[in-house]
Amino acid sequence: MKSEVMGVGTPLSKKDLKELLQETKETLAVDVKFNSGDRTFSHLDLWNLQKRQKSAMAMRRRLM
């Protein structure tokens, strides 16, 4: 097990400090596709949720 831990009070070396403060270039995700229409919670989604809950409860009852 490693006994050395870098805590809050441990000073950083100049090399580590320079690496942490180095500016990186920002990249843009141009090929990302977004859904144009926001999906809403419909009555079918509610039905599926209730159906899954019923089967999960039945499985729990069988285990007892």
C-alpha atoms as a PDB file:
ATOM      1  CA  MET A   1       0.000   0.000   0.000  1.00  0.00           C
ATOM      2  CA  LYS A   2       1.251   3.460  -0.839  1.00  0.00           C
ATOM      3  CA  SER A   3       2.089   5.536   2.219  1.00  0.00           C
ATOM      4  CA  GLU A   4       2.889   8.807   0.446  1.00  0.00           C
ATOM      5  CA  VAL A   5      -0.119  11.042  -0.048  1.00  0.00           C
ATOM      6  CA  MET A   6      -0.072  14.451  -1.698  1.00  0.00           C
ATOM      7  CA  GLY A   7      -2.157  16.562   0.658  1.00  0.00           C
ATOM      8  CA  VAL A   8      -3.330  20.146   0.610  1.00  0.00           C
ATOM      9  CA  GLY A   9      -0.200  21.477   2.295  1.00  0.00           C
ATOM     10  CA  THR A  10       2.255  19.725  -0.028  1.00  0.00           C
ATOM     11  CA  PRO A  11       4.062  22.259  -2.246  1.00  0.00           C
ATOM     12  CA  LEU A  12       4.040  21.741  -6.020  1.00  0.00           C
ATOM     13  CA  SER A  13       7.179  21.762  -8.069  1.00  0.00           C
ATOM     14  CA  LYS A  14       7.614  24.377 -10.784  1.00  0.00           C
ATOM     15  CA  LYS A  15       7.225  21.703 -13.472  1.00  0.00           C
ATOM     16  CA  ASP A  16       3.930  20.448 -12.009  1.00  0.00           C
ATOM     17  CA  LEU A  17       2.619  23.995 -11.572  1.00  0.00           C
ATOM     18  CA  LYS A  18       3.471  24.887 -15.169  1.00  0.00           C
ATOM     19  CA  GLU A  19       1.714  21.740 -16.410  1.00  0.00           C
ATOM     20  CA  LEU A  20      -1.431  22.526 -14.400  1.00  0.00           C
ATOM     21  CA  LEU A  21      -1.598  26.131 -15.591  1.00  0.00           C
ATOM     22  CA  GLN A  22      -0.931  25.371 -19.256  1.00  0.00           C
ATOM     23  CA  GLU A  23      -3.710  26.555 -21.550  1.00  0.00           C
ATOM     24  CA  THR A  24      -5.280  23.957 -23.828  1.00  0.00           C
ATOM     25  CA  LYS A  25      -7.057  24.653 -27.086  1.00  0.00           C
ATOM     26  CA  GLU A  26     -10.813  24.189 -27.147  1.00  0.00           C
ATOM     27  CA  THR A  27     -12.270  21.771 -29.664  1.00  0.00           C
ATOM     28  CA  LEU A  28     -15.766  21.939 -31.065  1.00  0.00           C
ATOM     29  CA  ALA A  29     -17.958  18.913 -31.618  1.00  0.00           C
ATOM     30  CA  VAL A  30     -19.323  19.750 -35.058  1.00  0.00           C
ATOM     31  CA  ASP A  31     -20.613  16.267 -35.904  1.00  0.00           C
ATOM     32  CA  VAL A  32     -22.946  15.965 -32.900  1.00  0.00           C
ATOM     33  CA  LYS A  33     -26.607  15.592 -33.815  1.00  0.00           C
ATOM     34  CA  PHE A  34     -29.298  16.920 -31.504  1.00  0.00           C
ATOM     35  CA  ASN A  35     -32.928  15.860 -31.472  1.00  0.00           C
ATOM     36  CA  SER A  36     -34.896  18.675 -33.016  1.00  0.00           C
ATOM     37  CA  GLY A  37     -38.087  17.756 -31.157  1.00  0.00           C
ATOM     38  CA  ASP A  38     -38.063  17.327 -27.413  1.00  0.00           C
ATOM     39  CA  ARG A  39     -39.695  14.058 -26.413  1.00  0.00           C
ATOM     40  CA  THR A  40     -42.475  14.408 -23.875  1.00  0.00           C
ATOM     41  CA  PHE A  41     -43.676  11.918 -21.297  1.00  0.00           C
ATOM     42  CA  SER A  42     -46.702  10.293 -22.932  1.00  0.00           C
ATOM     43  CA  HIS A  43     -49.379   7.916 -21.706  1.00  0.00           C
ATOM     44  CA  LEU A  44     -47.480   4.999 -23.301  1.00  0.00           C
ATOM     45  CA  ASP A  45     -44.401   5.826 -21.226  1.00  0.00           C
ATOM     46  CA  LEU A  46     -46.513   5.807 -18.071  1.00  0.00           C
ATOM     47  CA  TRP A  47     -48.071   2.480 -19.073  1.00  0.00           C
ATOM     48  CA  ASN A  48     -44.623   0.940 -19.641  1.00  0.00           C
ATOM     49  CA  LEU A  49     -43.419   2.204 -16.250  1.00  0.00           C
ATOM     50  CA  GLN A  50     -46.407   0.722 -14.466  1.00  0.00           C
ATOM     51  CA  LYS A  51     -46.022  -2.563 -16.360  1.00  0.00           C
ATOM     52  CA  ARG A  52     -42.358  -2.859 -15.329  1.00  0.00           C
ATOM     53  CA  GLN A  53     -43.185  -2.055 -11.699  1.00  0.00           C
ATOM     54  CA  LYS A  54     -45.828  -4.779 -11.555  1.00  0.00           C
ATOM     55  CA  SER A  55     -43.464  -7.430 -12.853  1.00  0.00           C
ATOM     56  CA  ALA A  56     -40.717  -6.341 -10.457  1.00  0.00           C
ATOM     57  CA  MET A  57     -43.097  -6.601  -7.497  1.00  0.00           C
ATOM     58  CA  ALA A  58     -44.214 -10.051  -8.620  1.00  0.00           C
ATOM     59  CA  MET A  59     -40.597 -11.204  -8.835  1.00  0.00           C
ATOM     60  CA  ARG A  60     -39.949  -9.947  -5.301  1.00  0.00           C
ATOM     61  CA  ARG A  61     -42.981 -11.821  -4.006  1.00  0.00           C
ATOM     62  CA  ARG A  62     -41.732 -15.060  -5.585  1.00  0.00           C
ATOM     63  CA  LEU A  63     -38.360 -14.724  -3.881  1.00  0.00           C
ATOM     64  CA  MET A  64     -39.889 -14.474  -0.407  1.00  0.00           C
END
